[in-house]
Amino acid sequence: EANMDSTPEKRQKYLTVLMEKCDEVTKLTNDLFLHSISEMNKLDV
């Protein structure tokens, strides 16, 4: 928002970090989801 991605390298770096952090959030929410369904014995196969 502050236009700190002044060069293509910085922009790519910011995008890479954002995607990595999104992946971390996805993994953590998956853990939370698996925890909840395992409590209800709904780990279906």
All heavy atoms as atom14 arrays in JSON, in Angstrom:
{
  "sequence": "EANMDSTPEKRQKYLTVLMEKCDEVTKLTNDLFLHSISEMNKLDV",
  "atom14_mask": [
    [1, 1, 1, 1, 1, 1, 1, 1, 1, 0, 0, 0, 0, 0],
    [1, 1, 1, 1, 1, 0, 0, 0, 0, 0, 0, 0, 0, 0],
    [1, 1, 1, 1, 1, 1, 1, 1, 0, 0, 0, 0, 0, 0],
    [1, 1, 1, 1, 1, 1, 1, 1, 0, 0, 0, 0, 0, 0],
    [1, 1, 1, 1, 1, 1, 1, 1, 0, 0, 0, 0, 0, 0],
    [1, 1, 1, 1, 1, 1, 0, 0, 0, 0, 0, 0, 0, 0],
    [1, 1, 1, 1, 1, 1, 1, 0, 0, 0, 0, 0, 0, 0],
    [1, 1, 1, 1, 1, 1, 1, 0, 0, 0, 0, 0, 0, 0],
    [1, 1, 1, 1, 1, 1, 1, 1, 1, 0, 0, 0, 0, 0],
    [1, 1, 1, 1, 1, 1, 1, 1, 1, 0, 0, 0, 0, 0],
    [1, 1, 1, 1, 1, 1, 1, 1, 1, 1, 1, 0, 0, 0],
    [1, 1, 1, 1, 1, 1, 1, 1, 1, 0, 0, 0, 0, 0],
    [1, 1, 1, 1, 1, 1, 1, 1, 1, 0, 0, 0, 0, 0],
    [1, 1, 1, 1, 1, 1, 1, 1, 1, 1, 1, 1, 0, 0],
    [1, 1, 1, 1, 1, 1, 1, 1, 0, 0, 0, 0, 0, 0],
    [1, 1, 1, 1, 1, 1, 1, 0, 0, 0, 0, 0, 0, 0],
    [1, 1, 1, 1, 1, 1, 1, 0, 0, 0, 0, 0, 0, 0],
    [1, 1, 1, 1, 1, 1, 1, 1, 0, 0, 0, 0, 0, 0],
    [1, 1, 1, 1, 1, 1, 1, 1, 0, 0, 0, 0, 0, 0],
    [1, 1, 1, 1, 1, 1, 1, 1, 1, 0, 0, 0, 0, 0],
    [1, 1, 1, 1, 1, 1, 1, 1, 1, 0, 0, 0, 0, 0],
    [1, 1, 1, 1, 1, 1, 0, 0, 0, 0, 0, 0, 0, 0],
    [1, 1, 1, 1, 1, 1, 1, 1, 0, 0, 0, 0, 0, 0],
    [1, 1, 1, 1, 1, 1, 1, 1, 1, 0, 0, 0, 0, 0],
    [1, 1, 1, 1, 1, 1, 1, 0, 0, 0, 0, 0, 0, 0],
    [1, 1, 1, 1, 1, 1, 1, 0, 0, 0, 0, 0, 0, 0],
    [1, 1, 1, 1, 1, 1, 1, 1, 1, 0, 0, 0, 0, 0],
    [1, 1, 1, 1, 1, 1, 1, 1, 0, 0, 0, 0, 0, 0],
    [1, 1, 1, 1, 1, 1, 1, 0, 0, 0, 0, 0, 0, 0],
    [1, 1, 1, 1, 1, 1, 1, 1, 0, 0, 0, 0, 0, 0],
    [1, 1, 1, 1, 1, 1, 1, 1, 0, 0, 0, 0, 0, 0],
    [1, 1, 1, 1, 1, 1, 1, 1, 0, 0, 0, 0, 0, 0],
    [1, 1, 1, 1, 1, 1, 1, 1, 1, 1, 1, 0, 0, 0],
    [1, 1, 1, 1, 1, 1, 1, 1, 0, 0, 0, 0, 0, 0],
    [1, 1, 1, 1, 1, 1, 1, 1, 1, 1, 0, 0, 0, 0],
    [1, 1, 1, 1, 1, 1, 0, 0, 0, 0, 0, 0, 0, 0],
    [1, 1, 1, 1, 1, 1, 1, 1, 0, 0, 0, 0, 0, 0],
    [1, 1, 1, 1, 1, 1, 0, 0, 0, 0, 0, 0, 0, 0],
    [1, 1, 1, 1, 1, 1, 1, 1, 1, 0, 0, 0, 0, 0],
    [1, 1, 1, 1, 1, 1, 1, 1, 0, 0, 0, 0, 0, 0],
    [1, 1, 1, 1, 1, 1, 1, 1, 0, 0, 0, 0, 0, 0],
    [1, 1, 1, 1, 1, 1, 1, 1, 1, 0, 0, 0, 0, 0],
    [1, 1, 1, 1, 1, 1, 1, 1, 0, 0, 0, 0, 0, 0],
    [1, 1, 1, 1, 1, 1, 1, 1, 0, 0, 0, 0, 0, 0],
    [1, 1, 1, 1, 1, 1, 1, 0, 0, 0, 0, 0, 0, 0]
  ],
  "atom14_positions": [
    [[0.83, -1.21, 0.0], [0.0, 0.0, 0.0], [0.87, 1.26, 0.0], [0.52, 2.28, -0.61], [-0.93, -0.01, 1.22], [-1.93, 1.14, 1.23], [-2.83, 1.09, 2.46], [-2.4, 0.53, 3.49], [-3.95, 1.6, 2.4], [0.0, 0.0, 0.0], [0.0, 0.0, 0.0], [0.0, 0.0, 0.0], [0.0, 0.0, 0.0], [0.0, 0.0, 0.0]],
    [[2.02, 1.18, 0.68], [2.92, 2.34, 0.75], [3.88, 2.41, -0.43], [4.81, 3.22, -0.42], [3.71, 2.29, 2.06], [0.0, 0.0, 0.0], [0.0, 0.0, 0.0], [0.0, 0.0, 0.0], [0.0, 0.0, 0.0], [0.0, 0.0, 0.0], [0.0, 0.0, 0.0], [0.0, 0.0, 0.0], [0.0, 0.0, 0.0], [0.0, 0.0, 0.0]],
    [[3.65, 1.53, -1.44], [4.49, 1.52, -2.65], [5.97, 1.3, -2.33], [6.85, 1.92, -2.93], [4.32, 2.82, -3.45], [2.92, 2.99, -3.97], [2.32, 2.02, -4.44], [2.4, 4.22, -3.91], [0.0, 0.0, 0.0], [0.0, 0.0, 0.0], [0.0, 0.0, 0.0], [0.0, 0.0, 0.0], [0.0, 0.0, 0.0], [0.0, 0.0, 0.0]],
    [[6.2, 0.38, -1.36], [7.58, 0.09, -1.0], [8.21, -0.93, -1.97], [9.42, -1.18, -1.9], [7.66, -0.44, 0.44], [7.23, 0.6, 1.47], [7.26, -0.05, 3.16], [8.99, -0.37, 3.37], [0.0, 0.0, 0.0], [0.0, 0.0, 0.0], [0.0, 0.0, 0.0], [0.0, 0.0, 0.0], [0.0, 0.0, 0.0], [0.0, 0.0, 0.0]],
    [[7.39, -1.54, -2.81], [7.92, -2.49, -3.78], [8.43, -1.73, -5.01], [7.87, -1.82, -6.1], [6.85, -3.51, -4.18], [5.58, -2.82, -4.66], [5.25, -1.72, -4.17], [4.9, -3.4, -5.53], [0.0, 0.0, 0.0], [0.0, 0.0, 0.0], [0.0, 0.0, 0.0], [0.0, 0.0, 0.0], [0.0, 0.0, 0.0], [0.0, 0.0, 0.0]],
    [[9.48, -0.98, -4.8], [9.97, -0.05, -5.83], [10.67, -0.76, -6.98], [10.8, -0.22, -8.08], [10.91, 0.98, -5.2], [11.96, 0.3, -4.52], [0.0, 0.0, 0.0], [0.0, 0.0, 0.0], [0.0, 0.0, 0.0], [0.0, 0.0, 0.0], [0.0, 0.0, 0.0], [0.0, 0.0, 0.0], [0.0, 0.0, 0.0], [0.0, 0.0, 0.0]],
    [[11.13, -1.97, -6.74], [11.83, -2.71, -7.81], [11.14, -4.06, -8.02], [10.46, -4.59, -7.11], [13.3, -2.95, -7.42], [13.32, -3.8, -6.26], [14.01, -1.66, -7.13], [0.0, 0.0, 0.0], [0.0, 0.0, 0.0], [0.0, 0.0, 0.0], [0.0, 0.0, 0.0], [0.0, 0.0, 0.0], [0.0, 0.0, 0.0], [0.0, 0.0, 0.0]],
    [[11.3, -4.68, -9.17], [10.71, -6.01, -9.42], [11.22, -7.05, -8.42], [10.49, -7.96, -8.04], [11.16, -6.33, -10.84], [11.41, -5.0, -11.47], [11.92, -4.12, -10.39], [0.0, 0.0, 0.0], [0.0, 0.0, 0.0], [0.0, 0.0, 0.0], [0.0, 0.0, 0.0], [0.0, 0.0, 0.0], [0.0, 0.0, 0.0], [0.0, 0.0, 0.0]],
    [[12.48, -6.91, -8.01], [13.01, -7.87, -7.04], [12.28, -7.8, -5.71], [11.93, -8.82, -5.1], [14.52, -7.62, -6.84], [15.4, -7.95, -8.03], [15.34, -6.86, -9.1], [14.79, -5.77, -8.81], [15.86, -7.1, -10.22], [0.0, 0.0, 0.0], [0.0, 0.0, 0.0], [0.0, 0.0, 0.0], [0.0, 0.0, 0.0], [0.0, 0.0, 0.0]],
    [[12.06, -6.54, -5.24], [11.35, -6.37, -3.97], [9.91, -6.89, -4.08], [9.39, -7.53, -3.17], [11.34, -4.91, -3.55], [12.67, -4.41, -3.01], [12.52, -3.0, -2.46], [13.83, -2.52, -1.84], [13.7, -1.14, -1.28], [0.0, 0.0, 0.0], [0.0, 0.0, 0.0], [0.0, 0.0, 0.0], [0.0, 0.0, 0.0], [0.0, 0.0, 0.0]],
    [[9.28, -6.58, -5.2], [7.9, -7.04, -5.38], [7.83, -8.57, -5.35], [6.95, -9.15, -4.7], [7.35, -6.51, -6.7], [5.93, -7.01, -6.99], [5.38, -6.38, -8.25], [5.24, -4.94, -8.06], [4.75, -4.13, -9.0], [4.41, -4.61, -10.18], [4.64, -2.83, -8.76], [0.0, 0.0, 0.0], [0.0, 0.0, 0.0], [0.0, 0.0, 0.0]],
    [[8.77, -9.2, -6.04], [8.79, -10.67, -6.05], [9.05, -11.23, -4.65], [8.45, -12.22, -4.24], [9.86, -11.16, -7.02], [9.89, -12.69, -7.18], [8.58, -13.24, -7.69], [7.99, -12.69, -8.61], [8.12, -14.33, -7.06], [0.0, 0.0, 0.0], [0.0, 0.0, 0.0], [0.0, 0.0, 0.0], [0.0, 0.0, 0.0], [0.0, 0.0, 0.0]],
    [[9.95, -10.55, -3.92], [10.24, -10.99, -2.55], [9.01, -10.87, -1.68], [8.67, -11.79, -0.92], [11.37, -10.14, -1.97], [11.71, -10.49, -0.53], [12.8, -9.58, 0.02], [13.06, -9.89, 1.5], [14.08, -8.98, 2.08], [0.0, 0.0, 0.0], [0.0, 0.0, 0.0], [0.0, 0.0, 0.0], [0.0, 0.0, 0.0], [0.0, 0.0, 0.0]],
    [[8.3, -9.74, -1.78], [7.09, -9.54, -0.98], [6.03, -10.58, -1.33], [5.37, -11.16, -0.45], [6.52, -8.14, -1.2], [7.37, -7.01, -0.64], [7.07, -5.67, -0.92], [8.48, -7.28, 0.16], [7.84, -4.64, -0.41], [9.26, -6.25, 0.66], [8.95, -4.93, 0.38], [9.71, -3.92, 0.88], [0.0, 0.0, 0.0], [0.0, 0.0, 0.0]],
    [[5.88, -10.86, -2.62], [4.88, -11.84, -3.05], [5.24, -13.24, -2.55], [4.37, -14.01, -2.12], [4.77, -11.84, -4.57], [4.1, -10.61, -5.19], [4.21, -10.67, -6.72], [2.64, -10.52, -4.77], [0.0, 0.0, 0.0], [0.0, 0.0, 0.0], [0.0, 0.0, 0.0], [0.0, 0.0, 0.0], [0.0, 0.0, 0.0], [0.0, 0.0, 0.0]],
    [[6.52, -13.55, -2.6], [6.96, -14.87, -2.12], [6.67, -15.03, -0.63], [6.16, -16.07, -0.18], [8.46, -15.06, -2.38], [8.71, -14.93, -3.77], [8.93, -16.43, -1.9], [0.0, 0.0, 0.0], [0.0, 0.0, 0.0], [0.0, 0.0, 0.0], [0.0, 0.0, 0.0], [0.0, 0.0, 0.0], [0.0, 0.0, 0.0], [0.0, 0.0, 0.0]],
    [[6.99, -13.98, 0.15], [6.74, -14.04, 1.59], [5.24, -14.15, 1.86], [4.8, -14.93, 2.73], [7.34, -12.81, 2.29], [6.91, -12.77, 3.76], [8.86, -12.83, 2.19], [0.0, 0.0, 0.0], [0.0, 0.0, 0.0], [0.0, 0.0, 0.0], [0.0, 0.0, 0.0], [0.0, 0.0, 0.0], [0.0, 0.0, 0.0], [0.0, 0.0, 0.0]],
    [[4.44, -13.4, 1.12], [2.99, -13.45, 1.32], [2.45, -14.86, 1.05], [1.62, -15.38, 1.8], [2.3, -12.44, 0.39], [2.37, -10.97, 0.82], [1.81, -10.08, -0.28], [1.6, -10.76, 2.12], [0.0, 0.0, 0.0], [0.0, 0.0, 0.0], [0.0, 0.0, 0.0], [0.0, 0.0, 0.0], [0.0, 0.0, 0.0], [0.0, 0.0, 0.0]],
    [[2.92, -15.48, -0.02], [2.46, -16.84, -0.33], [2.91, -17.84, 0.74], [2.16, -18.74, 1.12], [2.97, -17.25, -1.72], [2.25, -16.54, -2.86], [2.7, -17.17, -4.49], [4.39, -16.58, -4.63], [0.0, 0.0, 0.0], [0.0, 0.0, 0.0], [0.0, 0.0, 0.0], [0.0, 0.0, 0.0], [0.0, 0.0, 0.0], [0.0, 0.0, 0.0]],
    [[4.13, -17.68, 1.24], [4.61, -18.58, 2.28], [3.79, -18.43, 3.56], [3.42, -19.43, 4.2], [6.08, -18.28, 2.58], [7.03, -18.72, 1.48], [8.47, -18.34, 1.79], [8.69, -17.63, 2.81], [9.38, -18.76, 1.03], [0.0, 0.0, 0.0], [0.0, 0.0, 0.0], [0.0, 0.0, 0.0], [0.0, 0.0, 0.0], [0.0, 0.0, 0.0]],
    [[3.47, -17.18, 3.9], [2.67, -16.95, 5.1], [1.25, -17.46, 4.93], [0.64, -17.99, 5.86], [2.66, -15.46, 5.46], [4.03, -14.9, 5.81], [4.67, -15.69, 6.95], [6.07, -15.18, 7.25], [6.73, -15.98, 8.3], [0.0, 0.0, 0.0], [0.0, 0.0, 0.0], [0.0, 0.0, 0.0], [0.0, 0.0, 0.0], [0.0, 0.0, 0.0]],
    [[0.71, -17.33, 3.71], [-0.62, -17.89, 3.44], [-0.6, -19.41, 3.58], [-1.56, -20.01, 4.11], [-1.09, -17.49, 2.05], [-1.56, -15.76, 1.91], [0.0, 0.0, 0.0], [0.0, 0.0, 0.0], [0.0, 0.0, 0.0], [0.0, 0.0, 0.0], [0.0, 0.0, 0.0], [0.0, 0.0, 0.0], [0.0, 0.0, 0.0], [0.0, 0.0, 0.0]],
    [[0.48, -20.02, 3.12], [0.61, -21.47, 3.27], [0.68, -21.87, 4.74], [0.11, -22.89, 5.15], [1.87, -21.97, 2.53], [1.72, -21.88, 1.02], [0.57, -21.81, 0.54], [2.76, -21.87, 0.33], [0.0, 0.0, 0.0], [0.0, 0.0, 0.0], [0.0, 0.0, 0.0], [0.0, 0.0, 0.0], [0.0, 0.0, 0.0], [0.0, 0.0, 0.0]],
    [[1.36, -21.08, 5.55], [1.44, -21.36, 6.99], [0.06, -21.28, 7.62], [-0.32, -22.14, 8.43], [2.38, -20.37, 7.67], [3.86, -20.6, 7.37], [4.75, -19.65, 8.17], [4.31, -19.2, 9.26], [5.86, -19.34, 7.71], [0.0, 0.0, 0.0], [0.0, 0.0, 0.0], [0.0, 0.0, 0.0], [0.0, 0.0, 0.0], [0.0, 0.0, 0.0]],
    [[-0.69, -20.23, 7.26], [-2.05, -20.09, 7.81], [-2.91, -21.27, 7.38], [-3.68, -21.82, 8.17], [-2.68, -18.76, 7.35], [-4.15, -18.7, 7.75], [-1.93, -17.59, 7.94], [0.0, 0.0, 0.0], [0.0, 0.0, 0.0], [0.0, 0.0, 0.0], [0.0, 0.0, 0.0], [0.0, 0.0, 0.0], [0.0, 0.0, 0.0], [0.0, 0.0, 0.0]],
    [[-2.78, -21.69, 6.12], [-3.55, -22.83, 5.62], [-3.23, -24.09, 6.4], [-4.14, -24.85, 6.79], [-3.24, -23.07, 4.13], [-3.59, -21.9, 3.39], [-4.04, -24.26, 3.6], [0.0, 0.0, 0.0], [0.0, 0.0, 0.0], [0.0, 0.0, 0.0], [0.0, 0.0, 0.0], [0.0, 0.0, 0.0], [0.0, 0.0, 0.0], [0.0, 0.0, 0.0]],
    [[-1.94, -24.32, 6.65], [-1.55, -25.52, 7.4], [-2.11, -25.47, 8.82], [-2.61, -26.47, 9.34], [-0.04, -25.63, 7.44], [0.43, -26.88, 8.18], [1.92, -26.93, 8.34], [2.33, -28.17, 9.11], [1.69, -28.27, 10.42], [0.0, 0.0, 0.0], [0.0, 0.0, 0.0], [0.0, 0.0, 0.0], [0.0, 0.0, 0.0], [0.0, 0.0, 0.0]],
    [[-2.02, -24.33, 9.48], [-2.51, -24.22, 10.85], [-4.02, -24.4, 10.92], [-4.54, -25.06, 11.83], [-2.1, -22.87, 11.44], [-0.6, -22.7, 11.72], [-0.28, -21.25, 12.05], [-0.16, -23.61, 12.87], [0.0, 0.0, 0.0], [0.0, 0.0, 0.0], [0.0, 0.0, 0.0], [0.0, 0.0, 0.0], [0.0, 0.0, 0.0], [0.0, 0.0, 0.0]],
    [[-4.73, -23.81, 9.97], [-6.19, -24.0, 9.96], [-6.54, -25.44, 9.64], [-7.53, -25.97, 10.16], [-6.85, -23.06, 8.94], [-6.22, -23.22, 7.66], [-6.74, -21.61, 9.38], [0.0, 0.0, 0.0], [0.0, 0.0, 0.0], [0.0, 0.0, 0.0], [0.0, 0.0, 0.0], [0.0, 0.0, 0.0], [0.0, 0.0, 0.0], [0.0, 0.0, 0.0]],
    [[-5.74, -26.1, 8.8], [-5.96, -27.53, 8.54], [-5.77, -28.35, 9.8], [-6.53, -29.28, 10.08], [-5.0, -28.03, 7.45], [-5.42, -27.57, 6.07], [-6.57, -27.19, 5.86], [-4.48, -27.58, 5.13], [0.0, 0.0, 0.0], [0.0, 0.0, 0.0], [0.0, 0.0, 0.0], [0.0, 0.0, 0.0], [0.0, 0.0, 0.0], [0.0, 0.0, 0.0]],
    [[-4.73, -28.0, 10.57], [-4.51, -28.7, 11.85], [-5.7, -28.51, 12.77], [-6.14, -29.45, 13.45], [-3.23, -28.18, 12.52], [-1.97, -28.74, 11.88], [-2.1, -29.69, 11.08], [-0.88, -28.22, 12.15], [0.0, 0.0, 0.0], [0.0, 0.0, 0.0], [0.0, 0.0, 0.0], [0.0, 0.0, 0.0], [0.0, 0.0, 0.0], [0.0, 0.0, 0.0]],
    [[-6.19, -27.29, 12.83], [-7.34, -27.0, 13.69], [-8.57, -27.78, 13.23], [-9.31, -28.33, 14.04], [-7.63, -25.49, 13.68], [-8.7, -24.99, 14.65], [-8.33, -25.34, 16.08], [-8.88, -23.48, 14.5], [0.0, 0.0, 0.0], [0.0, 0.0, 0.0], [0.0, 0.0, 0.0], [0.0, 0.0, 0.0], [0.0, 0.0, 0.0], [0.0, 0.0, 0.0]],
    [[-8.75, -27.85, 11.92], [-9.89, -28.59, 11.38], [-9.76, -30.08, 11.68], [-10.72, -30.74, 12.11], [-9.98, -28.36, 9.87], [-11.01, -29.21, 9.19], [-12.36, -28.98, 9.39], [-10.62, -30.25, 8.36], [-13.31, -29.78, 8.77], [-11.57, -31.04, 7.74], [-12.91, -30.8, 7.94], [0.0, 0.0, 0.0], [0.0, 0.0, 0.0], [0.0, 0.0, 0.0]],
    [[-8.55, -30.62, 11.45], [-8.33, -32.04, 11.72], [-8.52, -32.36, 13.19], [-9.03, -33.42, 13.55], [-6.94, -32.45, 11.25], [-6.75, -32.53, 9.74], [-5.28, -32.7, 9.41], [-7.57, -33.65, 9.15], [0.0, 0.0, 0.0], [0.0, 0.0, 0.0], [0.0, 0.0, 0.0], [0.0, 0.0, 0.0], [0.0, 0.0, 0.0], [0.0, 0.0, 0.0]],
    [[-8.06, -31.44, 14.04], [-8.25, -31.63, 15.47], [-9.73, -31.71, 15.81], [-10.17, -32.59, 16.57], [-7.6, -30.48, 16.24], [-8.03, -30.39, 17.68], [-7.77, -31.39, 18.58], [-8.73, -29.44, 18.33], [-8.28, -31.05, 19.76], [-8.87, -29.88, 19.62], [0.0, 0.0, 0.0], [0.0, 0.0, 0.0], [0.0, 0.0, 0.0], [0.0, 0.0, 0.0]],
    [[-10.53, -30.83, 15.25], [-11.96, -30.81, 15.56], [-12.67, -32.06, 15.05], [-13.48, -32.65, 15.76], [-12.61, -29.55, 14.97], [-12.52, -29.55, 13.56], [0.0, 0.0, 0.0], [0.0, 0.0, 0.0], [0.0, 0.0, 0.0], [0.0, 0.0, 0.0], [0.0, 0.0, 0.0], [0.0, 0.0, 0.0], [0.0, 0.0, 0.0], [0.0, 0.0, 0.0]],
    [[-12.34, -32.51, 13.83], [-13.04, -33.68, 13.31], [-12.54, -34.96, 13.97], [-13.28, -35.94, 14.1], [-12.92, -33.79, 11.77], [-11.46, -33.98, 11.35], [-13.52, -32.59, 11.1], [-11.31, -34.23, 9.86], [0.0, 0.0, 0.0], [0.0, 0.0, 0.0], [0.0, 0.0, 0.0], [0.0, 0.0, 0.0], [0.0, 0.0, 0.0], [0.0, 0.0, 0.0]],
    [[-11.28, -34.96, 14.43], [-10.79, -36.14, 15.13], [-11.47, -36.27, 16.48], [-11.69, -37.38, 16.99], [-9.27, -36.09, 15.31], [-8.9, -35.02, 16.17], [0.0, 0.0, 0.0], [0.0, 0.0, 0.0], [0.0, 0.0, 0.0], [0.0, 0.0, 0.0], [0.0, 0.0, 0.0], [0.0, 0.0, 0.0], [0.0, 0.0, 0.0], [0.0, 0.0, 0.0]],
    [[-11.82, -35.13, 17.09], [-12.57, -35.16, 18.35], [-13.94, -35.78, 18.14], [-14.48, -36.43, 19.02], [-12.72, -33.74, 18.91], [-11.51, -33.21, 19.61], [-11.18, -34.02, 20.85], [-12.09, -34.24, 21.68], [-10.04, -34.45, 20.98], [0.0, 0.0, 0.0], [0.0, 0.0, 0.0], [0.0, 0.0, 0.0], [0.0, 0.0, 0.0], [0.0, 0.0, 0.0]],
    [[-14.52, -35.58, 16.96], [-15.85, -36.11, 16.68], [-15.78, -37.46, 15.98], [-16.78, -37.97, 15.49], [-16.63, -35.12, 15.81], [-16.88, -33.78, 16.47], [-17.87, -32.68, 15.46], [-16.73, -32.29, 14.14], [0.0, 0.0, 0.0], [0.0, 0.0, 0.0], [0.0, 0.0, 0.0], [0.0, 0.0, 0.0], [0.0, 0.0, 0.0], [0.0, 0.0, 0.0]],
    [[-14.56, -38.06, 15.91], [-14.36, -39.34, 15.25], [-14.87, -39.33, 13.81], [-15.54, -40.26, 13.35], [-15.03, -40.47, 16.03], [-14.39, -40.68, 17.38], [-13.18, -40.6, 17.51], [-15.2, -40.93, 18.4], [0.0, 0.0, 0.0], [0.0, 0.0, 0.0], [0.0, 0.0, 0.0], [0.0, 0.0, 0.0], [0.0, 0.0, 0.0], [0.0, 0.0, 0.0]],
    [[-14.61, -38.23, 13.09], [-15.07, -38.1, 11.71], [-13.91, -38.06, 10.71], [-14.02, -37.44, 9.67], [-15.95, -36.85, 11.57], [-17.29, -36.98, 12.28], [-18.17, -35.77, 12.03], [-19.52, -35.95, 12.71], [-20.4, -34.77, 12.5], [0.0, 0.0, 0.0], [0.0, 0.0, 0.0], [0.0, 0.0, 0.0], [0.0, 0.0, 0.0], [0.0, 0.0, 0.0]],
    [[-12.82, -38.7, 11.08], [-11.72, -38.81, 10.14], [-12.06, -39.94, 9.15], [-11.54, -41.06, 9.22], [-10.4, -39.1, 10.86], [-9.72, -37.92, 11.53], [-8.55, -38.41, 12.39], [-9.22, -36.92, 10.51], [0.0, 0.0, 0.0], [0.0, 0.0, 0.0], [0.0, 0.0, 0.0], [0.0, 0.0, 0.0], [0.0, 0.0, 0.0], [0.0, 0.0, 0.0]],
    [[-12.98, -39.67, 8.26], [-13.47, -40.7, 7.34], [-12.45, -41.0, 6.25], [-11.67, -40.14, 5.85], [-14.79, -40.25, 6.69], [-15.89, -40.05, 7.73], [-15.87, -40.81, 8.72], [-16.73, -39.16, 7.55], [0.0, 0.0, 0.0], [0.0, 0.0, 0.0], [0.0, 0.0, 0.0], [0.0, 0.0, 0.0], [0.0, 0.0, 0.0], [0.0, 0.0, 0.0]],
    [[-12.48, -42.22, 5.77], [-11.63, -42.62, 4.66], [-12.51, -43.26, 3.59], [-13.53, -43.88, 3.89], [-10.53, -43.61, 5.1], [-9.59, -42.98, 6.08], [-11.14, -44.88, 5.69], [0.0, 0.0, 0.0], [0.0, 0.0, 0.0], [0.0, 0.0, 0.0], [0.0, 0.0, 0.0], [0.0, 0.0, 0.0], [0.0, 0.0, 0.0], [0.0, 0.0, 0.0]]
  ]
}
